[in-house]
Amino acid sequence: MNPSVTTNKETDLNTCPQCLGNADQGFSREIPPQPYPCTKCVDKDLTNTWKGMKVRINPNDEWVKIKSAYLGDKNELIFILEDGEVVGSLDVEFEGTE
């Protein structure tokens, strides 16, 4: 390659870097800016991270596994449990932290 020739590809800030869908989460403020993963990809990553962990709402409750997770309106983690209940991360106790 000729050293005097450079390729300057601009990053599309509207495209999710993971799935190439709409980057609906904005972009970084670094130079050059990079798009953040879209909501769908973030939720998939969150589910992969939290799935199978056990939580309970009250100290006397049985532990229930997390089925999936997503980021709520106020950036709180929301969990869908295997029993179908939907809870916020601030409302539960995590197994192993009592």
PDB file of N, CA and C in Angstrom:
ATOM      1  N   MET A   1       0.842  -1.188   0.000  1.00  0.00           N
ATOM      2  CA  MET A   1       0.000   0.000   0.000  1.00  0.00           C
ATOM      3  C   MET A   1       0.876   1.236   0.000  1.00  0.00           C
ATOM      4  N   ASN A   2       0.511   2.192  -0.767  1.00  0.00           N
ATOM      5  CA  ASN A   2       1.240   3.442  -0.863  1.00  0.00           C
ATOM      6  C   ASN A   2       1.055   4.229   0.433  1.00  0.00           C
ATOM      7  N   PRO A   3       2.138   4.578   1.165  1.00  0.00           N
ATOM      8  CA  PRO A   3       2.000   5.284   2.433  1.00  0.00           C
ATOM      9  C   PRO A   3       1.380   6.669   2.288  1.00  0.00           C
ATOM     10  N   SER A   4       1.402   7.240   1.118  1.00  0.00           N
ATOM     11  CA  SER A   4       0.813   8.567   0.965  1.00  0.00           C
ATOM     12  C   SER A   4      -0.707   8.506   0.803  1.00  0.00           C
ATOM     13  N   VAL A   5      -1.230   7.294   0.627  1.00  0.00           N
ATOM     14  CA  VAL A   5      -2.677   7.117   0.476  1.00  0.00           C
ATOM     15  C   VAL A   5      -3.242   6.630   1.805  1.00  0.00           C
ATOM     16  N   THR A   6      -4.203   7.341   2.317  1.00  0.00           N
ATOM     17  CA  THR A   6      -4.856   6.912   3.558  1.00  0.00           C
ATOM     18  C   THR A   6      -6.329   6.696   3.281  1.00  0.00           C
ATOM     19  N   THR A   7      -6.896   5.777   4.029  1.00  0.00           N
ATOM     20  CA  THR A   7      -8.340   5.575   3.920  1.00  0.00           C
ATOM     21  C   THR A   7      -8.967   6.187   5.154  1.00  0.00           C
ATOM     22  N   ASN A   8      -9.936   6.999   4.954  1.00  0.00           N
ATOM     23  CA  ASN A   8     -10.594   7.697   6.041  1.00  0.00           C
ATOM     24  C   ASN A   8     -12.074   7.348   6.014  1.00  0.00           C
ATOM     25  N   LYS A   9     -12.447   6.291   6.678  1.00  0.00           N
ATOM     26  CA  LYS A   9     -13.841   5.859   6.699  1.00  0.00           C
ATOM     27  C   LYS A   9     -14.536   6.508   7.886  1.00  0.00           C
ATOM     28  N   GLU A  10     -15.562   7.280   7.619  1.00  0.00           N
ATOM     29  CA  GLU A  10     -16.323   7.896   8.691  1.00  0.00           C
ATOM     30  C   GLU A  10     -17.240   6.855   9.319  1.00  0.00           C
ATOM     31  N   THR A  11     -17.351   6.911  10.629  1.00  0.00           N
ATOM     32  CA  THR A  11     -18.237   6.006  11.346  1.00  0.00           C
ATOM     33  C   THR A  11     -19.662   6.525  11.254  1.00  0.00           C
ATOM     34  N   ASP A  12     -20.585   5.646  10.912  1.00  0.00           N
ATOM     35  CA  ASP A  12     -21.999   5.999  10.856  1.00  0.00           C
ATOM     36  C   ASP A  12     -22.544   5.959  12.278  1.00  0.00           C
ATOM     37  N   LEU A  13     -22.847   7.122  12.834  1.00  0.00           N
ATOM     38  CA  LEU A  13     -23.308   7.209  14.223  1.00  0.00           C
ATOM     39  C   LEU A  13     -24.747   6.754  14.398  1.00  0.00           C
ATOM     40  N   ASN A  14     -25.428   6.456  13.304  1.00  0.00           N
ATOM     41  CA  ASN A  14     -26.814   5.992  13.371  1.00  0.00           C
ATOM     42  C   ASN A  14     -26.935   4.484  13.235  1.00  0.00           C
ATOM     43  N   THR A  15     -25.798   3.777  13.171  1.00  0.00           N
ATOM     44  CA  THR A  15     -25.817   2.329  12.972  1.00  0.00           C
ATOM     45  C   THR A  15     -25.221   1.615  14.181  1.00  0.00           C
ATOM     46  N   CYS A  16     -25.968   0.656  14.713  1.00  0.00           N
ATOM     47  CA  CYS A  16     -25.507  -0.146  15.853  1.00  0.00           C
ATOM     48  C   CYS A  16     -24.254  -0.921  15.435  1.00  0.00           C
ATOM     49  N   PRO A  17     -23.185  -0.855  16.226  1.00  0.00           N
ATOM     50  CA  PRO A  17     -21.955  -1.563  15.869  1.00  0.00           C
ATOM     51  C   PRO A  17     -22.062  -3.093  15.980  1.00  0.00           C
ATOM     52  N   GLN A  18     -23.107  -3.598  16.636  1.00  0.00           N
ATOM     53  CA  GLN A  18     -23.248  -5.037  16.806  1.00  0.00           C
ATOM     54  C   GLN A  18     -24.161  -5.669  15.764  1.00  0.00           C
ATOM     55  N   CYS A  19     -25.359  -5.104  15.577  1.00  0.00           N
ATOM     56  CA  CYS A  19     -26.331  -5.740  14.674  1.00  0.00           C
ATOM     57  C   CYS A  19     -26.552  -4.952  13.382  1.00  0.00           C
ATOM     58  N   LEU A  20     -25.955  -3.764  13.293  1.00  0.00           N
ATOM     59  CA  LEU A  20     -26.084  -2.860  12.148  1.00  0.00           C
ATOM     60  C   LEU A  20     -27.485  -2.288  11.997  1.00  0.00           C
ATOM     61  N   GLY A  21     -28.278  -2.391  13.059  1.00  0.00           N
ATOM     62  CA  GLY A  21     -29.599  -1.764  13.077  1.00  0.00           C
ATOM     63  C   GLY A  21     -29.480  -0.300  13.479  1.00  0.00           C
ATOM     64  N   ASN A  22     -30.594   0.318  13.863  1.00  0.00           N
ATOM     65  CA  ASN A  22     -30.629   1.717  14.271  1.00  0.00           C
ATOM     66  C   ASN A  22     -29.965   1.883  15.643  1.00  0.00           C
ATOM     67  N   ALA A  23     -28.963   2.740  15.747  1.00  0.00           N
ATOM     68  CA  ALA A  23     -28.271   3.005  17.013  1.00  0.00           C
ATOM     69  C   ALA A  23     -29.095   3.999  17.825  1.00  0.00           C
ATOM     70  N   ASP A  24     -30.106   3.497  18.526  1.00  0.00           N
ATOM     71  CA  ASP A  24     -31.047   4.351  19.240  1.00  0.00           C
ATOM     72  C   ASP A  24     -30.585   4.766  20.633  1.00  0.00           C
ATOM     73  N   GLN A  25     -29.354   4.431  21.006  1.00  0.00           N
ATOM     74  CA  GLN A  25     -28.830   4.785  22.324  1.00  0.00           C
ATOM     75  C   GLN A  25     -27.826   5.940  22.275  1.00  0.00           C
ATOM     76  N   GLY A  26     -27.671   6.556  21.112  1.00  0.00           N
ATOM     77  CA  GLY A  26     -26.760   7.689  20.987  1.00  0.00           C
ATOM     78  C   GLY A  26     -25.345   7.243  20.666  1.00  0.00           C
ATOM     79  N   PHE A  27     -24.376   8.121  20.969  1.00  0.00           N
ATOM     80  CA  PHE A  27     -22.986   7.823  20.650  1.00  0.00           C
ATOM     81  C   PHE A  27     -22.070   8.428  21.699  1.00  0.00           C
ATOM     82  N   SER A  28     -20.832   7.947  21.714  1.00  0.00           N
ATOM     83  CA  SER A  28     -19.852   8.397  22.701  1.00  0.00           C
ATOM     84  C   SER A  28     -19.391   9.819  22.385  1.00  0.00           C
ATOM     85  N   ARG A  29     -18.752  10.439  23.341  1.00  0.00           N
ATOM     86  CA  ARG A  29     -18.253  11.809  23.161  1.00  0.00           C
ATOM     87  C   ARG A  29     -16.748  11.822  22.900  1.00  0.00           C
ATOM     88  N   GLU A  30     -16.194  10.637  22.662  1.00  0.00           N
ATOM     89  CA  GLU A  30     -14.766  10.549  22.370  1.00  0.00           C
ATOM     90  C   GLU A  30     -14.487  10.993  20.936  1.00  0.00           C
ATOM     91  N   ILE A  31     -13.227  11.163  20.617  1.00  0.00           N
ATOM     92  CA  ILE A  31     -12.818  11.550  19.265  1.00  0.00           C
ATOM     93  C   ILE A  31     -12.100  10.374  18.631  1.00  0.00           C
ATOM     94  N   PRO A  32     -12.536   9.818  17.541  1.00  0.00           N
ATOM     95  CA  PRO A  32     -13.819  10.102  16.887  1.00  0.00           C
ATOM     96  C   PRO A  32     -14.959   9.442  17.652  1.00  0.00           C
ATOM     97  N   PRO A  33     -16.155  10.018  17.583  1.00  0.00           N
ATOM     98  CA  PRO A  33     -17.302   9.431  18.294  1.00  0.00           C
ATOM     99  C   PRO A  33     -17.660   8.055  17.734  1.00  0.00           C
ATOM    100  N   GLN A  34     -18.164   7.199  18.616  1.00  0.00           N
ATOM    101  CA  GLN A  34     -18.582   5.850  18.229  1.00  0.00           C
ATOM    102  C   GLN A  34     -20.021   5.632  18.664  1.00  0.00           C
ATOM    103  N   PRO A  35     -20.839   4.993  17.836  1.00  0.00           N
ATOM    104  CA  PRO A  35     -22.232   4.728  18.247  1.00  0.00           C
ATOM    105  C   PRO A  35     -22.273   3.681  19.350  1.00  0.00           C
ATOM    106  N   TYR A  36     -23.228   3.837  20.265  1.00  0.00           N
ATOM    107  CA  TYR A  36     -23.466   2.826  21.288  1.00  0.00           C
ATOM    108  C   TYR A  36     -24.321   1.713  20.690  1.00  0.00           C
ATOM    109  N   PRO A  37     -24.233   0.501  21.245  1.00  0.00           N
ATOM    110  CA  PRO A  37     -25.120  -0.572  20.776  1.00  0.00           C
ATOM    111  C   PRO A  37     -26.591  -0.175  20.966  1.00  0.00           C
ATOM    112  N   CYS A  38     -27.456  -0.695  20.103  1.00  0.00           N
ATOM    113  CA  CYS A  38     -28.883  -0.381  20.177  1.00  0.00           C
ATOM    114  C   CYS A  38     -29.530  -1.045  21.398  1.00  0.00           C
ATOM    115  N   THR A  39     -30.754  -0.640  21.694  1.00  0.00           N
ATOM    116  CA  THR A  39     -31.491  -1.172  22.838  1.00  0.00           C
ATOM    117  C   THR A  39     -31.598  -2.690  22.771  1.00  0.00           C
ATOM    118  N   LYS A  40     -31.881  -3.226  21.590  1.00  0.00           N
ATOM    119  CA  LYS A  40     -32.032  -4.678  21.422  1.00  0.00           C
ATOM    120  C   LYS A  40     -30.740  -5.403  21.804  1.00  0.00           C
ATOM    121  N   CYS A  41     -29.600  -4.891  21.363  1.00  0.00           N
ATOM    122  CA  CYS A  41     -28.315  -5.538  21.670  1.00  0.00           C
ATOM    123  C   CYS A  41     -27.948  -5.391  23.143  1.00  0.00           C
ATOM    124  N   VAL A  42     -28.246  -4.226  23.724  1.00  0.00           N
ATOM    125  CA  VAL A  42     -27.972  -4.021  25.150  1.00  0.00           C
ATOM    126  C   VAL A  42     -28.800  -4.999  25.976  1.00  0.00           C
ATOM    127  N   ASP A  43     -30.098  -5.138  25.639  1.00  0.00           N
ATOM    128  CA  ASP A  43     -30.965  -6.058  26.371  1.00  0.00           C
ATOM    129  C   ASP A  43     -30.478  -7.501  26.230  1.00  0.00           C
ATOM    130  N   LYS A  44     -30.005  -7.875  25.046  1.00  0.00           N
ATOM    131  CA  LYS A  44     -29.477  -9.226  24.836  1.00  0.00           C
ATOM    132  C   LYS A  44     -28.239  -9.452  25.706  1.00  0.00           C
ATOM    133  N   ASP A  45     -27.342  -8.460  25.756  1.00  0.00           N
ATOM    134  CA  ASP A  45     -26.144  -8.566  26.589  1.00  0.00           C
ATOM    135  C   ASP A  45     -26.510  -8.639  28.068  1.00  0.00           C
ATOM    136  N   LEU A  46     -27.496  -7.834  28.483  1.00  0.00           N
ATOM    137  CA  LEU A  46     -27.927  -7.864  29.885  1.00  0.00           C
ATOM    138  C   LEU A  46     -28.509  -9.224  30.237  1.00  0.00           C
ATOM    139  N   THR A  47     -29.327  -9.766  29.353  1.00  0.00           N
ATOM    140  CA  THR A  47     -29.915 -11.085  29.605  1.00  0.00           C
ATOM    141  C   THR A  47     -28.817 -12.129  29.725  1.00  0.00           C
ATOM    142  N   ASN A  48     -27.837 -12.091  28.824  1.00  0.00           N
ATOM    143  CA  ASN A  48     -26.743 -13.058  28.886  1.00  0.00           C
ATOM    144  C   ASN A  48     -25.968 -12.949  30.193  1.00  0.00           C
ATOM    145  N   THR A  49     -25.848 -11.744  30.725  1.00  0.00           N
ATOM    146  CA  THR A  49     -25.116 -11.516  31.974  1.00  0.00           C
ATOM    147  C   THR A  49     -25.893 -12.013  33.189  1.00  0.00           C
ATOM    148  N   TRP A  50     -27.196 -11.743  33.248  1.00  0.00           N
ATOM    149  CA  TRP A  50     -27.986 -11.992  34.455  1.00  0.00           C
ATOM    150  C   TRP A  50     -28.766 -13.306  34.441  1.00  0.00           C
ATOM    151  N   LYS A  51     -29.010 -13.876  33.277  1.00  0.00           N
ATOM    152  CA  LYS A  51     -29.846 -15.068  33.178  1.00  0.00           C
ATOM    153  C   LYS A  51     -29.305 -16.193  34.054  1.00  0.00           C
ATOM    154  N   GLY A  52     -30.205 -16.789  34.837  1.00  0.00           N
ATOM    155  CA  GLY A  52     -29.844 -17.912  35.696  1.00  0.00           C
ATOM    156  C   GLY A  52     -29.484 -17.517  37.114  1.00  0.00           C
ATOM    157  N   MET A  53     -29.169 -16.241  37.338  1.00  0.00           N
ATOM    158  CA  MET A  53     -28.898 -15.802  38.707  1.00  0.00           C
ATOM    159  C   MET A  53     -30.201 -15.850  39.496  1.00  0.00           C
ATOM    160  N   LYS A  54     -30.085 -16.032  40.795  1.00  0.00           N
ATOM    161  CA  LYS A  54     -31.280 -16.154  41.626  1.00  0.00           C
ATOM    162  C   LYS A  54     -31.492 -14.917  42.485  1.00  0.00           C
ATOM    163  N   VAL A  55     -32.774 -14.524  42.578  1.00  0.00           N
ATOM    164  CA  VAL A  55     -33.165 -13.371  43.384  1.00  0.00           C
ATOM    165  C   VAL A  55     -34.416 -13.728  44.192  1.00  0.00           C
ATOM    166  N   ARG A  56     -34.670 -12.905  45.192  1.00  0.00           N
ATOM    167  CA  ARG A  56     -35.944 -13.000  45.912  1.00  0.00           C
ATOM    168  C   ARG A  56     -36.345 -11.602  46.339  1.00  0.00           C
ATOM    169  N   ILE A  57     -37.643 -11.412  46.526  1.00  0.00           N
ATOM    170  CA  ILE A  57     -38.155 -10.091  46.879  1.00  0.00           C
ATOM    171  C   ILE A  57     -38.194  -9.931  48.395  1.00  0.00           C
ATOM    172  N   ASN A  58     -38.638 -10.953  49.102  1.00  0.00           N
ATOM    173  CA  ASN A  58     -38.727 -10.914  50.560  1.00  0.00           C
ATOM    174  C   ASN A  58     -37.807 -11.971  51.164  1.00  0.00           C
ATOM    175  N   PRO A  59     -37.288 -11.720  52.365  1.00  0.00           N
ATOM    176  CA  PRO A  59     -36.362 -12.682  52.984  1.00  0.00           C
ATOM    177  C   PRO A  59     -36.927 -14.087  53.131  1.00  0.00           C
ATOM    178  N   ASN A  60     -38.242 -14.236  53.273  1.00  0.00           N
ATOM    179  CA  ASN A  60     -38.839 -15.559  53.443  1.00  0.00           C
ATOM    180  C   ASN A  60     -39.236 -16.220  52.124  1.00  0.00           C
ATOM    181  N   ASP A  61     -39.078 -15.516  51.024  1.00  0.00           N
ATOM    182  CA  ASP A  61     -39.428 -16.067  49.708  1.00  0.00           C
ATOM    183  C   ASP A  61     -38.392 -17.079  49.248  1.00  0.00           C
ATOM    184  N   GLU A  62     -38.807 -17.939  48.337  1.00  0.00           N
ATOM    185  CA  GLU A  62     -37.867 -18.862  47.691  1.00  0.00           C
ATOM    186  C   GLU A  62     -37.062 -18.088  46.651  1.00  0.00           C
ATOM    187  N   TRP A  63     -35.855 -18.577  46.359  1.00  0.00           N
ATOM    188  CA  TRP A  63     -35.047 -17.972  45.314  1.00  0.00           C
ATOM    189  C   TRP A  63     -35.648 -18.320  43.955  1.00  0.00           C
ATOM    190  N   VAL A  64     -35.700 -17.346  43.048  1.00  0.00           N
ATOM    191  CA  VAL A  64     -36.239 -17.542  41.705  1.00  0.00           C
ATOM    192  C   VAL A  64     -35.172 -17.108  40.704  1.00  0.00           C
ATOM    193  N   LYS A  65     -35.003 -17.902  39.640  1.00  0.00           N
ATOM    194  CA  LYS A  65     -34.011 -17.576  38.619  1.00  0.00           C
ATOM    195  C   LYS A  65     -34.495 -16.442  37.718  1.00  0.00           C
ATOM    196  N   ILE A  66     -33.546 -15.639  37.282  1.00  0.00           N
ATOM    197  CA  ILE A  66     -33.816 -14.578  36.315  1.00  0.00           C
ATOM    198  C   ILE A  66     -33.879 -15.213  34.920  1.00  0.00           C
ATOM    199  N   LYS A  67     -34.949 -14.893  34.202  1.00  0.00           N
ATOM    200  CA  LYS A  67     -35.132 -15.413  32.835  1.00  0.00           C
ATOM    201  C   LYS A  67     -34.523 -14.461  31.805  1.00  0.00           C
ATOM    202  N   SER A  68     -34.759 -13.151  31.979  1.00  0.00           N
ATOM    203  CA  SER A  68     -34.184 -12.155  31.076  1.00  0.00           C
ATOM    204  C   SER A  68     -34.093 -10.817  31.797  1.00  0.00           C
ATOM    205  N   ALA A  69     -33.386  -9.871  31.181  1.00  0.00           N
ATOM    206  CA  ALA A  69     -33.175  -8.558  31.789  1.00  0.00           C
ATOM    207  C   ALA A  69     -33.166  -7.490  30.706  1.00  0.00           C
ATOM    208  N   TYR A  70     -33.559  -6.290  31.093  1.00  0.00           N
ATOM    209  CA  TYR A  70     -33.469  -5.148  30.186  1.00  0.00           C
ATOM    210  C   TYR A  70     -33.314  -3.883  31.011  1.00  0.00           C
ATOM    211  N   LEU A  71     -32.929  -2.807  30.362  1.00  0.00           N
ATOM    212  CA  LEU A  71     -32.732  -1.529  31.029  1.00  0.00           C
ATOM    213  C   LEU A  71     -34.035  -0.755  31.019  1.00  0.00           C
ATOM    214  N   GLY A  72     -34.498  -0.372  32.202  1.00  0.00           N
ATOM    215  CA  GLY A  72     -35.754   0.355  32.322  1.00  0.00           C
ATOM    216  C   GLY A  72     -35.618   1.835  32.008  1.00  0.00           C
ATOM    217  N   ASP A  73     -36.721   2.565  32.175  1.00  0.00           N
ATOM    218  CA  ASP A  73     -36.773   3.983  31.831  1.00  0.00           C
ATOM    219  C   ASP A  73     -35.746   4.827  32.572  1.00  0.00           C
ATOM    220  N   LYS A  74     -35.506   4.531  33.829  1.00  0.00           N
ATOM    221  CA  LYS A  74     -34.584   5.333  34.637  1.00  0.00           C
ATOM    222  C   LYS A  74     -33.243   4.629  34.807  1.00  0.00           C
ATOM    223  N   ASN A  75     -32.843   3.856  33.792  1.00  0.00           N
ATOM    224  CA  ASN A  75     -31.589   3.096  33.798  1.00  0.00           C
ATOM    225  C   ASN A  75     -31.493   2.103  34.945  1.00  0.00           C
ATOM    226  N   GLU A  76     -32.652   1.645  35.431  1.00  0.00           N
ATOM    227  CA  GLU A  76     -32.681   0.579  36.433  1.00  0.00           C
ATOM    228  C   GLU A  76     -32.807  -0.745  35.688  1.00  0.00           C
ATOM    229  N   LEU A  77     -32.075  -1.737  36.151  1.00  0.00           N
ATOM    230  CA  LEU A  77     -32.219  -3.072  35.573  1.00  0.00           C
ATOM    231  C   LEU A  77     -33.586  -3.633  35.916  1.00  0.00           C
ATOM    232  N   ILE A  78     -34.270  -4.157  34.926  1.00  0.00           N
ATOM    233  CA  ILE A  78     -35.556  -4.813  35.120  1.00  0.00           C
ATOM    234  C   ILE A  78     -35.360  -6.289  34.803  1.00  0.00           C
ATOM    235  N   PHE A  79     -35.830  -7.142  35.702  1.00  0.00           N
ATOM    236  CA  PHE A  79     -35.683  -8.579  35.527  1.00  0.00           C
ATOM    237  C   PHE A  79     -37.040  -9.222  35.291  1.00  0.00           C
ATOM    238  N   ILE A  80     -37.088 -10.159  34.363  1.00  0.00           N
ATOM    239  CA  ILE A  80     -38.251 -11.028  34.197  1.00  0.00           C
ATOM    240  C   ILE A  80     -37.826 -12.369  34.778  1.00  0.00           C
ATOM    241  N   LEU A  81     -38.544 -12.794  35.806  1.00  0.00           N
ATOM    242  CA  LEU A  81     -38.177 -14.018  36.508  1.00  0.00           C
ATOM    243  C   LEU A  81     -38.816 -15.228  35.853  1.00  0.00           C
ATOM    244  N   GLU A  82     -38.298 -16.412  36.158  1.00  0.00           N
ATOM    245  CA  GLU A  82     -38.825 -17.644  35.555  1.00  0.00           C
ATOM    246  C   GLU A  82     -40.278 -17.894  35.914  1.00  0.00           C
ATOM    247  N   ASP A  83     -40.747 -17.324  37.044  1.00  0.00           N
ATOM    248  CA  ASP A  83     -42.154 -17.499  37.409  1.00  0.00           C
ATOM    249  C   ASP A  83     -43.054 -16.450  36.746  1.00  0.00           C
ATOM    250  N   GLY A  84     -42.462 -15.590  35.891  1.00  0.00           N
ATOM    251  CA  GLY A  84     -43.231 -14.603  35.147  1.00  0.00           C
ATOM    252  C   GLY A  84     -43.287 -13.228  35.792  1.00  0.00           C
ATOM    253  N   GLU A  85     -42.842 -13.109  37.025  1.00  0.00           N
ATOM    254  CA  GLU A  85     -42.884 -11.819  37.711  1.00  0.00           C
ATOM    255  C   GLU A  85     -41.839 -10.881  37.115  1.00  0.00           C
ATOM    256  N   VAL A  86     -42.200  -9.592  37.051  1.00  0.00           N
ATOM    257  CA  VAL A  86     -41.286  -8.557  36.563  1.00  0.00           C
ATOM    258  C   VAL A  86     -40.931  -7.670  37.744  1.00  0.00           C
ATOM    259  N   VAL A  87     -39.615  -7.542  38.017  1.00  0.00           N
ATOM    260  CA  VAL A  87     -39.160  -6.775  39.181  1.00  0.00           C
ATOM    261  C   VAL A  87     -37.975  -5.898  38.804  1.00  0.00           C
ATOM    262  N   GLY A  88     -37.830  -4.809  39.551  1.00  0.00           N
ATOM    263  CA  GLY A  88     -36.666  -3.945  39.378  1.00  0.00           C
ATOM    264  C   GLY A  88     -35.505  -4.445  40.233  1.00  0.00           C
ATOM    265  N   SER A  89     -34.293  -4.153  39.799  1.00  0.00           N
ATOM    266  CA  SER A  89     -33.112  -4.642  40.518  1.00  0.00           C
ATOM    267  C   SER A  89     -33.001  -4.063  41.920  1.00  0.00           C
ATOM    268  N   LEU A  90     -33.632  -2.907  42.162  1.00  0.00           N
ATOM    269  CA  LEU A  90     -33.577  -2.303  43.492  1.00  0.00           C
ATOM    270  C   LEU A  90     -34.555  -2.955  44.462  1.00  0.00           C
ATOM    271  N   ASP A  91     -35.450  -3.802  43.945  1.00  0.00           N
ATOM    272  CA  ASP A  91     -36.488  -4.418  44.765  1.00  0.00           C
ATOM    273  C   ASP A  91     -36.171  -5.847  45.167  1.00  0.00           C
ATOM    274  N   VAL A  92     -34.996  -6.360  44.805  1.00  0.00           N
ATOM    275  CA  VAL A  92     -34.690  -7.754  45.069  1.00  0.00           C
ATOM    276  C   VAL A  92     -33.381  -7.911  45.830  1.00  0.00           C
ATOM    277  N   GLU A  93     -33.262  -9.084  46.431  1.00  0.00           N
ATOM    278  CA  GLU A  93     -32.012  -9.494  47.069  1.00  0.00           C
ATOM    279  C   GLU A  93     -31.397 -10.574  46.183  1.00  0.00           C
ATOM    280  N   PHE A  94     -30.116 -10.510  45.970  1.00  0.00           N
ATOM    281  CA  PHE A  94     -29.436 -11.473  45.121  1.00  0.00           C
ATOM    282  C   PHE A  94     -28.871 -12.603  45.966  1.00  0.00           C
ATOM    283  N   GLU A  95     -29.019 -13.841  45.484  1.00  0.00           N
ATOM    284  CA  GLU A  95     -28.493 -14.994  46.197  1.00  0.00           C
ATOM    285  C   GLU A  95     -26.992 -14.822  46.418  1.00  0.00           C
ATOM    286  N   GLY A  96     -26.547 -15.099  47.634  1.00  0.00           N
ATOM    287  CA  GLY A  96     -25.132 -14.980  47.963  1.00  0.00           C
ATOM    288  C   GLY A  96     -24.742 -13.631  48.527  1.00  0.00           C
ATOM    289  N   THR A  97     -25.701 -12.715  48.625  1.00  0.00           N
ATOM    290  CA  THR A  97     -25.388 -11.372  49.168  1.00  0.00           C
ATOM    291  C   THR A  97     -26.047 -11.109  50.516  1.00  0.00           C
ATOM    292  N   GLU A  98     -26.773 -12.117  51.034  1.00  0.00           N
ATOM    293  CA  GLU A  98     -27.480 -11.897  52.313  1.00  0.00           C
ATOM    294  C   GLU A  98     -26.510 -11.959  53.469  1.00  0.00           C
TER     295      GLU A  98
END
